[in-house]
Structure formats: C-alpha cells, structure tokens
C-alpha cells in the first residue's frame, strides 16, 4: 500500500492510539500496522513518529537492553487531546457514511 495523505492520517491515529496504551518502538509499530494492512518501511515510519514528537504529541526515550538500543515513544497530554478529537471526528464521519 502506498502511503498517501489519507493513509498517513490513519497511521498517525494508530500510532497515537498504541502510544496511549503504552510505550512503543518503531519495529513493533511496523508489525502492528502490517496487521491492519499497512506496509510501511522504517524510512517512512520514523519520520512520521519524529514529526508527531516535534508537534508535542509524543515524547521519546532511548532504552538499552544489553546491546539493543530502542527509542520508545509515549503519548503526551497534548497527544491524548488530539487523539480524542480525531476519534470523535472519525465516529461522526463513519456515522454519516454508513447512514447513506
């Protein structure tokens, strides 16, 4: 699946949703998105996650376990508000689309 403007928005919502549940790292997020039909490379995912961090929606911390270093992302209070707003807009849109 090519990542277009619409896919990118859905991917961002997925990321915020999972970061609200608990901290996530990129490789795990790629696998999670693949379960939903998104084929995304690290070269596409990491800039999205970094962009969400720059906007203040995510924060990150590097953790090292042995030789493995991972950057874990978690949602910020601003990200929680944005996610709630996105969910409300999605519910409204889905309701409108399904009632046609």
PDB file of N, CA and C in Angstrom:
ATOM      1  N   UNK A   1       0.848  -1.178   0.000  1.00  0.00           N
ATOM      2  CA  UNK A   1       0.000   0.000   0.000  1.00  0.00           C
ATOM      3  C   UNK A   1       0.891   1.236   0.000  1.00  0.00           C
ATOM      4  N   UNK A   2       0.645   2.095  -0.935  1.00  0.00           N
ATOM      5  CA  UNK A   2       1.364   3.364  -0.997  1.00  0.00           C
ATOM      6  C   UNK A   2       0.860   4.266   0.128  1.00  0.00           C
ATOM      7  N   UNK A   3       1.746   4.970   0.762  1.00  0.00           N
ATOM      8  CA  UNK A   3       1.335   5.865   1.842  1.00  0.00           C
ATOM      9  C   UNK A   3       0.957   7.203   1.234  1.00  0.00           C
ATOM     10  N   UNK A   4      -0.343   7.453   1.191  1.00  0.00           N
ATOM     11  CA  UNK A   4      -0.824   8.730   0.694  1.00  0.00           C
ATOM     12  C   UNK A   4      -1.284   9.576   1.877  1.00  0.00           C
ATOM     13  N   UNK A   5      -1.854  10.706   1.583  1.00  0.00           N
ATOM     14  CA  UNK A   5      -2.283  11.623   2.639  1.00  0.00           C
ATOM     15  C   UNK A   5      -3.280  10.979   3.601  1.00  0.00           C
ATOM     16  N   UNK A   6      -4.225  10.205   3.064  1.00  0.00           N
ATOM     17  CA  UNK A   6      -5.231   9.569   3.913  1.00  0.00           C
ATOM     18  C   UNK A   6      -4.604   8.468   4.760  1.00  0.00           C
ATOM     19  N   UNK A   7      -3.789   7.627   4.140  1.00  0.00           N
ATOM     20  CA  UNK A   7      -3.128   6.553   4.877  1.00  0.00           C
ATOM     21  C   UNK A   7      -2.264   7.127   5.984  1.00  0.00           C
ATOM     22  N   UNK A   8      -1.559   8.190   5.694  1.00  0.00           N
ATOM     23  CA  UNK A   8      -0.692   8.822   6.680  1.00  0.00           C
ATOM     24  C   UNK A   8      -1.490   9.266   7.900  1.00  0.00           C
ATOM     25  N   UNK A   9      -2.658   9.810   7.683  1.00  0.00           N
ATOM     26  CA  UNK A   9      -3.500  10.246   8.802  1.00  0.00           C
ATOM     27  C   UNK A   9      -3.954   9.062   9.642  1.00  0.00           C
ATOM     28  N   UNK A  10      -4.363   7.979   8.998  1.00  0.00           N
ATOM     29  CA  UNK A  10      -4.777   6.783   9.738  1.00  0.00           C
ATOM     30  C   UNK A  10      -3.601   6.186  10.501  1.00  0.00           C
ATOM     31  N   UNK A  11      -2.432   6.190   9.903  1.00  0.00           N
ATOM     32  CA  UNK A  11      -1.236   5.682  10.569  1.00  0.00           C
ATOM     33  C   UNK A  11      -0.943   6.515  11.815  1.00  0.00           C
ATOM     34  N   UNK A  12      -1.060   7.813  11.703  1.00  0.00           N
ATOM     35  CA  UNK A  12      -0.822   8.686  12.861  1.00  0.00           C
ATOM     36  C   UNK A  12      -1.803   8.390  13.990  1.00  0.00           C
ATOM     37  N   UNK A  13      -3.056   8.145  13.648  1.00  0.00           N
ATOM     38  CA  UNK A  13      -4.059   7.815  14.664  1.00  0.00           C
ATOM     39  C   UNK A  13      -3.706   6.483  15.319  1.00  0.00           C
ATOM     40  N   UNK A  14      -3.301   5.496  14.510  1.00  0.00           N
ATOM     41  CA  UNK A  14      -2.863   4.203  15.068  1.00  0.00           C
ATOM     42  C   UNK A  14      -1.710   4.401  16.047  1.00  0.00           C
ATOM     43  N   UNK A  15      -0.731   5.181  15.645  1.00  0.00           N
ATOM     44  CA  UNK A  15       0.442   5.411  16.496  1.00  0.00           C
ATOM     45  C   UNK A  15       0.016   6.038  17.822  1.00  0.00           C
ATOM     46  N   UNK A  16      -0.780   7.102  17.754  1.00  0.00           N
ATOM     47  CA  UNK A  16      -1.233   7.755  18.983  1.00  0.00           C
ATOM     48  C   UNK A  16      -2.022   6.783  19.859  1.00  0.00           C
ATOM     49  N   UNK A  17      -2.886   5.992  19.241  1.00  0.00           N
ATOM     50  CA  UNK A  17      -3.691   5.017  19.989  1.00  0.00           C
ATOM     51  C   UNK A  17      -2.800   4.044  20.754  1.00  0.00           C
ATOM     52  N   UNK A  18      -1.834   3.468  20.070  1.00  0.00           N
ATOM     53  CA  UNK A  18      -0.976   2.473  20.721  1.00  0.00           C
ATOM     54  C   UNK A  18      -0.030   3.110  21.736  1.00  0.00           C
ATOM     55  N   UNK A  19       0.399   4.333  21.484  1.00  0.00           N
ATOM     56  CA  UNK A  19       1.258   5.020  22.454  1.00  0.00           C
ATOM     57  C   UNK A  19       0.472   5.410  23.701  1.00  0.00           C
ATOM     58  N   UNK A  20      -0.840   5.508  23.581  1.00  0.00           N
ATOM     59  CA  UNK A  20      -1.670   5.774  24.756  1.00  0.00           C
ATOM     60  C   UNK A  20      -1.759   4.522  25.620  1.00  0.00           C
ATOM     61  N   UNK A  21      -1.792   3.364  24.986  1.00  0.00           N
ATOM     62  CA  UNK A  21      -1.853   2.094  25.720  1.00  0.00           C
ATOM     63  C   UNK A  21      -0.550   1.860  26.485  1.00  0.00           C
ATOM     64  N   UNK A  22       0.571   2.193  25.837  1.00  0.00           N
ATOM     65  CA  UNK A  22       1.879   2.023  26.466  1.00  0.00           C
ATOM     66  C   UNK A  22       2.969   2.398  25.489  1.00  0.00           C
ATOM     67  N   UNK A  23       4.197   2.565  25.977  1.00  0.00           N
ATOM     68  CA  UNK A  23       5.304   2.949  25.096  1.00  0.00           C
ATOM     69  C   UNK A  23       5.526   1.919  23.980  1.00  0.00           C
ATOM     70  N   UNK A  24       5.823   2.428  22.778  1.00  0.00           N
ATOM     71  CA  UNK A  24       6.072   1.553  21.627  1.00  0.00           C
ATOM     72  C   UNK A  24       7.381   1.968  20.957  1.00  0.00           C
ATOM     73  N   UNK A  25       7.966   1.018  20.234  1.00  0.00           N
ATOM     74  CA  UNK A  25       9.151   1.335  19.440  1.00  0.00           C
ATOM     75  C   UNK A  25       8.830   1.020  17.980  1.00  0.00           C
ATOM     76  N   UNK A  26       9.633   1.572  17.100  1.00  0.00           N
ATOM     77  CA  UNK A  26       9.341   1.547  15.674  1.00  0.00           C
ATOM     78  C   UNK A  26       9.118   0.179  15.066  1.00  0.00           C
ATOM     79  N   UNK A  27      10.008  -0.782  15.319  1.00  0.00           N
ATOM     80  CA  UNK A  27       9.875  -2.108  14.710  1.00  0.00           C
ATOM     81  C   UNK A  27       8.563  -2.771  15.127  1.00  0.00           C
ATOM     82  N   UNK A  28       8.181  -2.606  16.391  1.00  0.00           N
ATOM     83  CA  UNK A  28       6.905  -3.170  16.848  1.00  0.00           C
ATOM     84  C   UNK A  28       5.747  -2.493  16.131  1.00  0.00           C
ATOM     85  N   UNK A  29       5.836  -1.168  15.981  1.00  0.00           N
ATOM     86  CA  UNK A  29       4.765  -0.413  15.338  1.00  0.00           C
ATOM     87  C   UNK A  29       4.606  -0.834  13.882  1.00  0.00           C
ATOM     88  N   UNK A  30       5.709  -1.104  13.212  1.00  0.00           N
ATOM     89  CA  UNK A  30       5.648  -1.569  11.820  1.00  0.00           C
ATOM     90  C   UNK A  30       4.872  -2.872  11.741  1.00  0.00           C
ATOM     91  N   UNK A  31       5.165  -3.799  12.644  1.00  0.00           N
ATOM     92  CA  UNK A  31       4.450  -5.093  12.664  1.00  0.00           C
ATOM     93  C   UNK A  31       2.969  -4.892  12.964  1.00  0.00           C
ATOM     94  N   UNK A  32       2.661  -4.024  13.911  1.00  0.00           N
ATOM     95  CA  UNK A  32       1.266  -3.750  14.260  1.00  0.00           C
ATOM     96  C   UNK A  32       0.510  -3.162  13.070  1.00  0.00           C
ATOM     97  N   UNK A  33       1.123  -2.223  12.386  1.00  0.00           N
ATOM     98  CA  UNK A  33       0.476  -1.607  11.229  1.00  0.00           C
ATOM     99  C   UNK A  33       0.280  -2.619  10.104  1.00  0.00           C
ATOM    100  N   UNK A  34       1.224  -3.543   9.930  1.00  0.00           N
ATOM    101  CA  UNK A  34       1.079  -4.581   8.904  1.00  0.00           C
ATOM    102  C   UNK A  34      -0.144  -5.452   9.168  1.00  0.00           C
ATOM    103  N   UNK A  35      -0.467  -5.677  10.446  1.00  0.00           N
ATOM    104  CA  UNK A  35      -1.665  -6.456  10.787  1.00  0.00           C
ATOM    105  C   UNK A  35      -2.941  -5.758  10.322  1.00  0.00           C
ATOM    106  N   UNK A  36      -2.852  -4.460  10.087  1.00  0.00           N
ATOM    107  CA  UNK A  36      -4.010  -3.683   9.631  1.00  0.00           C
ATOM    108  C   UNK A  36      -3.919  -3.342   8.147  1.00  0.00           C
ATOM    109  N   UNK A  37      -2.990  -3.978   7.447  1.00  0.00           N
ATOM    110  CA  UNK A  37      -2.893  -3.804   6.000  1.00  0.00           C
ATOM    111  C   UNK A  37      -1.971  -2.704   5.529  1.00  0.00           C
ATOM    112  N   UNK A  38      -1.256  -2.066   6.432  1.00  0.00           N
ATOM    113  CA  UNK A  38      -0.326  -1.016   6.044  1.00  0.00           C
ATOM    114  C   UNK A  38       1.068  -1.611   5.894  1.00  0.00           C
ATOM    115  N   UNK A  39       1.665  -1.414   4.742  1.00  0.00           N
ATOM    116  CA  UNK A  39       3.047  -1.840   4.525  1.00  0.00           C
ATOM    117  C   UNK A  39       3.883  -0.571   4.571  1.00  0.00           C
ATOM    118  N   UNK A  40       4.614  -0.408   5.655  1.00  0.00           N
ATOM    119  CA  UNK A  40       5.372   0.821   5.857  1.00  0.00           C
ATOM    120  C   UNK A  40       6.809   0.467   6.232  1.00  0.00           C
ATOM    121  N   UNK A  41       7.727   1.169   5.633  1.00  0.00           N
ATOM    122  CA  UNK A  41       9.148   0.924   5.890  1.00  0.00           C
ATOM    123  C   UNK A  41       9.607   1.792   7.062  1.00  0.00           C
ATOM    124  N   UNK A  42      10.728   1.418   7.677  1.00  0.00           N
ATOM    125  CA  UNK A  42      11.281   2.279   8.725  1.00  0.00           C
ATOM    126  C   UNK A  42      11.560   3.694   8.212  1.00  0.00           C
ATOM    127  N   UNK A  43      11.964   3.807   6.957  1.00  0.00           N
ATOM    128  CA  UNK A  43      12.250   5.114   6.369  1.00  0.00           C
ATOM    129  C   UNK A  43      11.021   5.998   6.226  1.00  0.00           C
ATOM    130  N   UNK A  44       9.843   5.395   6.272  1.00  0.00           N
ATOM    131  CA  UNK A  44       8.594   6.165   6.242  1.00  0.00           C
ATOM    132  C   UNK A  44       8.022   6.350   7.642  1.00  0.00           C
ATOM    133  N   UNK A  45       8.121   5.301   8.476  1.00  0.00           N
ATOM    134  CA  UNK A  45       7.520   5.364   9.813  1.00  0.00           C
ATOM    135  C   UNK A  45       8.248   6.337  10.733  1.00  0.00           C
ATOM    136  N   UNK A  46       9.573   6.236  10.785  1.00  0.00           N
ATOM    137  CA  UNK A  46      10.306   7.057  11.746  1.00  0.00           C
ATOM    138  C   UNK A  46      10.111   8.559  11.535  1.00  0.00           C
ATOM    139  N   UNK A  47      10.103   9.049  10.302  1.00  0.00           N
ATOM    140  CA  UNK A  47       9.804  10.481  10.134  1.00  0.00           C
ATOM    141  C   UNK A  47       8.400  10.867  10.618  1.00  0.00           C
ATOM    142  N   UNK A  48       7.437   9.962  10.480  1.00  0.00           N
ATOM    143  CA  UNK A  48       6.083  10.236  10.985  1.00  0.00           C
ATOM    144  C   UNK A  48       6.120  10.346  12.502  1.00  0.00           C
ATOM    145  N   UNK A  49       6.790   9.388  13.147  1.00  0.00           N
ATOM    146  CA  UNK A  49       6.863   9.408  14.608  1.00  0.00           C
ATOM    147  C   UNK A  49       7.653  10.622  15.102  1.00  0.00           C
ATOM    148  N   UNK A  50       8.720  10.961  14.414  1.00  0.00           N
ATOM    149  CA  UNK A  50       9.503  12.134  14.792  1.00  0.00           C
ATOM    150  C   UNK A  50       8.693  13.412  14.599  1.00  0.00           C
ATOM    151  N   UNK A  51       7.881  13.442  13.552  1.00  0.00           N
ATOM    152  CA  UNK A  51       7.015  14.599  13.319  1.00  0.00           C
ATOM    153  C   UNK A  51       5.982  14.757  14.423  1.00  0.00           C
ATOM    154  N   UNK A  52       5.418  13.629  14.878  1.00  0.00           N
ATOM    155  CA  UNK A  52       4.460  13.680  15.982  1.00  0.00           C
ATOM    156  C   UNK A  52       5.137  14.162  17.263  1.00  0.00           C
ATOM    157  N   UNK A  53       6.406  13.781  17.421  1.00  0.00           N
ATOM    158  CA  UNK A  53       7.154  14.234  18.591  1.00  0.00           C
ATOM    159  C   UNK A  53       7.436  15.740  18.492  1.00  0.00           C
ATOM    160  N   UNK A  54       7.806  16.211  17.315  1.00  0.00           N
ATOM    161  CA  UNK A  54       8.080  17.644  17.136  1.00  0.00           C
ATOM    162  C   UNK A  54       6.838  18.491  17.398  1.00  0.00           C
ATOM    163  N   UNK A  55       5.664  17.930  17.098  1.00  0.00           N
ATOM    164  CA  UNK A  55       4.406  18.646  17.329  1.00  0.00           C
ATOM    165  C   UNK A  55       3.964  18.558  18.792  1.00  0.00           C
ATOM    166  N   UNK A  56       4.718  17.813  19.598  1.00  0.00           N
ATOM    167  CA  UNK A  56       4.388  17.693  21.013  1.00  0.00           C
ATOM    168  C   UNK A  56       3.338  16.647  21.316  1.00  0.00           C
ATOM    169  N   UNK A  57       3.042  15.768  20.353  1.00  0.00           N
ATOM    170  CA  UNK A  57       2.028  14.734  20.565  1.00  0.00           C
ATOM    171  C   UNK A  57       2.620  13.457  21.158  1.00  0.00           C
ATOM    172  N   UNK A  58       3.906  13.253  20.948  1.00  0.00           N
ATOM    173  CA  UNK A  58       4.635  12.113  21.503  1.00  0.00           C
ATOM    174  C   UNK A  58       5.895  12.620  22.182  1.00  0.00           C
ATOM    175  N   UNK A  59       6.393  11.827  23.105  1.00  0.00           N
ATOM    176  CA  UNK A  59       7.730  12.050  23.656  1.00  0.00           C
ATOM    177  C   UNK A  59       8.463  10.719  23.528  1.00  0.00           C
ATOM    178  N   UNK A  60       9.783  10.768  23.557  1.00  0.00           N
ATOM    179  CA  UNK A  60      10.530   9.524  23.394  1.00  0.00           C
ATOM    180  C   UNK A  60      11.702   9.461  24.357  1.00  0.00           C
ATOM    181  N   UNK A  61      12.131   8.227  24.565  1.00  0.00           N
ATOM    182  CA  UNK A  61      13.263   7.968  25.443  1.00  0.00           C
ATOM    183  C   UNK A  61      13.982   6.742  24.898  1.00  0.00           C
ATOM    184  N   UNK A  62      15.309   6.819  24.865  1.00  0.00           N
ATOM    185  CA  UNK A  62      16.096   5.668  24.417  1.00  0.00           C
ATOM    186  C   UNK A  62      16.361   4.772  25.611  1.00  0.00           C
ATOM    187  N   UNK A  63      16.094   3.480  25.422  1.00  0.00           N
ATOM    188  CA  UNK A  63      16.381   2.481  26.452  1.00  0.00           C
ATOM    189  C   UNK A  63      17.295   1.438  25.851  1.00  0.00           C
ATOM    190  N   UNK A  64      18.238   0.996  26.649  1.00  0.00           N
ATOM    191  CA  UNK A  64      19.175  -0.020  26.186  1.00  0.00           C
ATOM    192  C   UNK A  64      19.003  -1.270  27.022  1.00  0.00           C
ATOM    193  N   UNK A  65      18.915  -2.397  26.308  1.00  0.00           N
ATOM    194  CA  UNK A  65      18.835  -3.704  26.937  1.00  0.00           C
ATOM    195  C   UNK A  65      19.950  -4.540  26.340  1.00  0.00           C
ATOM    196  N   UNK A  66      21.030  -4.697  27.070  1.00  0.00           N
ATOM    197  CA  UNK A  66      22.197  -5.367  26.508  1.00  0.00           C
ATOM    198  C   UNK A  66      22.764  -4.523  25.391  1.00  0.00           C
ATOM    199  N   UNK A  67      22.903  -5.118  24.217  1.00  0.00           N
ATOM    200  CA  UNK A  67      23.438  -4.390  23.068  1.00  0.00           C
ATOM    201  C   UNK A  67      22.355  -3.691  22.255  1.00  0.00           C
ATOM    202  N   UNK A  68      21.110  -3.950  22.606  1.00  0.00           N
ATOM    203  CA  UNK A  68      19.996  -3.397  21.822  1.00  0.00           C
ATOM    204  C   UNK A  68      19.540  -2.068  22.408  1.00  0.00           C
ATOM    205  N   UNK A  69      19.575  -1.035  21.556  1.00  0.00           N
ATOM    206  CA  UNK A  69      19.061   0.286  21.910  1.00  0.00           C
ATOM    207  C   UNK A  69      17.764   0.502  21.151  1.00  0.00           C
ATOM    208  N   UNK A  70      16.748   0.941  21.862  1.00  0.00           N
ATOM    209  CA  UNK A  70      15.472   1.248  21.211  1.00  0.00           C
ATOM    210  C   UNK A  70      14.972   2.587  21.703  1.00  0.00           C
ATOM    211  N   UNK A  71      14.345   3.308  20.787  1.00  0.00           N
ATOM    212  CA  UNK A  71      13.687   4.557  21.151  1.00  0.00           C
ATOM    213  C   UNK A  71      12.208   4.225  21.367  1.00  0.00           C
ATOM    214  N   UNK A  72      11.744   4.443  22.568  1.00  0.00           N
ATOM    215  CA  UNK A  72      10.345   4.193  22.916  1.00  0.00           C
ATOM    216  C   UNK A  72       9.584   5.515  22.898  1.00  0.00           C
ATOM    217  N   UNK A  73       8.424   5.473  22.290  1.00  0.00           N
ATOM    218  CA  UNK A  73       7.564   6.649  22.192  1.00  0.00           C
ATOM    219  C   UNK A  73       6.347   6.461  23.081  1.00  0.00           C
ATOM    220  N   UNK A  74       5.937   7.542  23.737  1.00  0.00           N
ATOM    221  CA  UNK A  74       4.696   7.516  24.505  1.00  0.00           C
ATOM    222  C   UNK A  74       3.922   8.797  24.203  1.00  0.00           C
ATOM    223  N   UNK A  75       2.648   8.746  24.446  1.00  0.00           N
ATOM    224  CA  UNK A  75       1.784   9.880  24.134  1.00  0.00           C
ATOM    225  C   UNK A  75       1.918  10.959  25.213  1.00  0.00           C
ATOM    226  N   UNK A  76       1.762  12.199  24.815  1.00  0.00           N
ATOM    227  CA  UNK A  76       1.792  13.331  25.740  1.00  0.00           C
ATOM    228  C   UNK A  76       0.342  13.754  26.034  1.00  0.00           C
ATOM    229  N   UNK A  77       0.134  14.596  27.023  1.00  0.00           N
ATOM    230  CA  UNK A  77      -1.229  15.102  27.258  1.00  0.00           C
ATOM    231  C   UNK A  77      -1.824  15.767  26.014  1.00  0.00           C
ATOM    232  N   UNK A  78      -1.008  16.511  25.280  1.00  0.00           N
ATOM    233  CA  UNK A  78      -1.483  17.129  24.032  1.00  0.00           C
ATOM    234  C   UNK A  78      -1.877  16.045  23.029  1.00  0.00           C
ATOM    235  N   UNK A  79      -1.106  14.971  22.968  1.00  0.00           N
ATOM    236  CA  UNK A  79      -1.423  13.856  22.075  1.00  0.00           C
ATOM    237  C   UNK A  79      -2.726  13.178  22.450  1.00  0.00           C
ATOM    238  N   UNK A  80      -2.979  13.058  23.752  1.00  0.00           N
ATOM    239  CA  UNK A  80      -4.242  12.463  24.224  1.00  0.00           C
ATOM    240  C   UNK A  80      -5.414  13.307  23.746  1.00  0.00           C
ATOM    241  N   UNK A  81      -5.280  14.625  23.857  1.00  0.00           N
ATOM    242  CA  UNK A  81      -6.367  15.514  23.397  1.00  0.00           C
ATOM    243  C   UNK A  81      -6.578  15.395  21.886  1.00  0.00           C
ATOM    244  N   UNK A  82      -5.475  15.371  21.134  1.00  0.00           N
ATOM    245  CA  UNK A  82      -5.576  15.242  19.674  1.00  0.00           C
ATOM    246  C   UNK A  82      -6.208  13.908  19.282  1.00  0.00           C
ATOM    247  N   UNK A  83      -5.822  12.834  19.975  1.00  0.00           N
ATOM    248  CA  UNK A  83      -6.393  11.519  19.687  1.00  0.00           C
ATOM    249  C   UNK A  83      -7.889  11.505  19.971  1.00  0.00           C
ATOM    250  N   UNK A  84      -8.285  12.085  21.089  1.00  0.00           N
ATOM    251  CA  UNK A  84      -9.715  12.147  21.431  1.00  0.00           C
ATOM    252  C   UNK A  84     -10.488  12.904  20.360  1.00  0.00           C
ATOM    253  N   UNK A  85      -9.944  14.017  19.917  1.00  0.00           N
ATOM    254  CA  UNK A  85     -10.589  14.820  18.874  1.00  0.00           C
ATOM    255  C   UNK A  85     -10.692  14.025  17.571  1.00  0.00           C
ATOM    256  N   UNK A  86      -9.618  13.323  17.207  1.00  0.00           N
ATOM    257  CA  UNK A  86      -9.626  12.518  15.975  1.00  0.00           C
ATOM    258  C   UNK A  86     -10.662  11.408  16.065  1.00  0.00           C
ATOM    259  N   UNK A  87     -10.760  10.755  17.214  1.00  0.00           N
ATOM    260  CA  UNK A  87     -11.746   9.679  17.396  1.00  0.00           C
ATOM    261  C   UNK A  87     -13.164  10.220  17.248  1.00  0.00           C
ATOM    262  N   UNK A  88     -13.421  11.377  17.841  1.00  0.00           N
ATOM    263  CA  UNK A  88     -14.760  11.971  17.731  1.00  0.00           C
ATOM    264  C   UNK A  88     -15.093  12.303  16.284  1.00  0.00           C
ATOM    265  N   UNK A  89     -14.126  12.843  15.550  1.00  0.00           N
ATOM    266  CA  UNK A  89     -14.359  13.169  14.144  1.00  0.00           C
ATOM    267  C   UNK A  89     -14.557  11.904  13.315  1.00  0.00           C
ATOM    268  N   UNK A  90     -13.811  10.849  13.628  1.00  0.00           N
ATOM    269  CA  UNK A  90     -13.978   9.581  12.912  1.00  0.00           C
ATOM    270  C   UNK A  90     -15.359   8.982  13.166  1.00  0.00           C
ATOM    271  N   UNK A  91     -15.819   9.022  14.427  1.00  0.00           N
ATOM    272  CA  UNK A  91     -17.146   8.492  14.764  1.00  0.00           C
ATOM    273  C   UNK A  91     -18.222   9.237  13.980  1.00  0.00           C
ATOM    274  N   UNK A  92     -18.094  10.557  13.924  1.00  0.00           N
ATOM    275  CA  UNK A  92     -19.067  11.364  13.192  1.00  0.00           C
ATOM    276  C   UNK A  92     -19.061  11.015  11.712  1.00  0.00           C
ATOM    277  N   UNK A  93     -17.880  10.916  11.135  1.00  0.00           N
ATOM    278  CA  UNK A  93     -17.748  10.598   9.720  1.00  0.00           C
ATOM    279  C   UNK A  93     -18.299   9.199   9.415  1.00  0.00           C
ATOM    280  N   UNK A  94     -17.931   8.241  10.232  1.00  0.00           N
ATOM    281  CA  UNK A  94     -18.410   6.858  10.000  1.00  0.00           C
ATOM    282  C   UNK A  94     -19.926   6.816  10.093  1.00  0.00           C
ATOM    283  N   UNK A  95     -20.488   7.496  11.083  1.00  0.00           N
ATOM    284  CA  UNK A  95     -21.935   7.543  11.195  1.00  0.00           C
ATOM    285  C   UNK A  95     -22.597   8.129   9.969  1.00  0.00           C
ATOM    286  N   UNK A  96     -22.004   9.184   9.431  1.00  0.00           N
ATOM    287  CA  UNK A  96     -22.558   9.826   8.234  1.00  0.00           C
ATOM    288  C   UNK A  96     -22.419   8.914   7.014  1.00  0.00           C
ATOM    289  N   UNK A  97     -21.272   8.301   6.864  1.00  0.00           N
ATOM    290  CA  UNK A  97     -21.029   7.437   5.696  1.00  0.00           C
ATOM    291  C   UNK A  97     -21.948   6.211   5.721  1.00  0.00           C
ATOM    292  N   UNK A  98     -22.094   5.596   6.896  1.00  0.00           N
ATOM    293  CA  UNK A  98     -22.893   4.373   6.991  1.00  0.00           C
ATOM    294  C   UNK A  98     -24.394   4.624   6.896  1.00  0.00           C
ATOM    295  N   UNK A  99     -24.815   5.859   7.106  1.00  0.00           N
ATOM    296  CA  UNK A  99     -26.236   6.180   7.017  1.00  0.00           C
ATOM    297  C   UNK A  99     -26.671   6.600   5.623  1.00  0.00           C
ATOM    298  N   UNK A 100     -25.783   6.522   4.636  1.00  0.00           N
ATOM    299  CA  UNK A 100     -26.159   6.900   3.264  1.00  0.00           C
ATOM    300  C   UNK A 100     -27.100   5.898   2.666  1.00  0.00           C
TER     301      UNK A 100
END
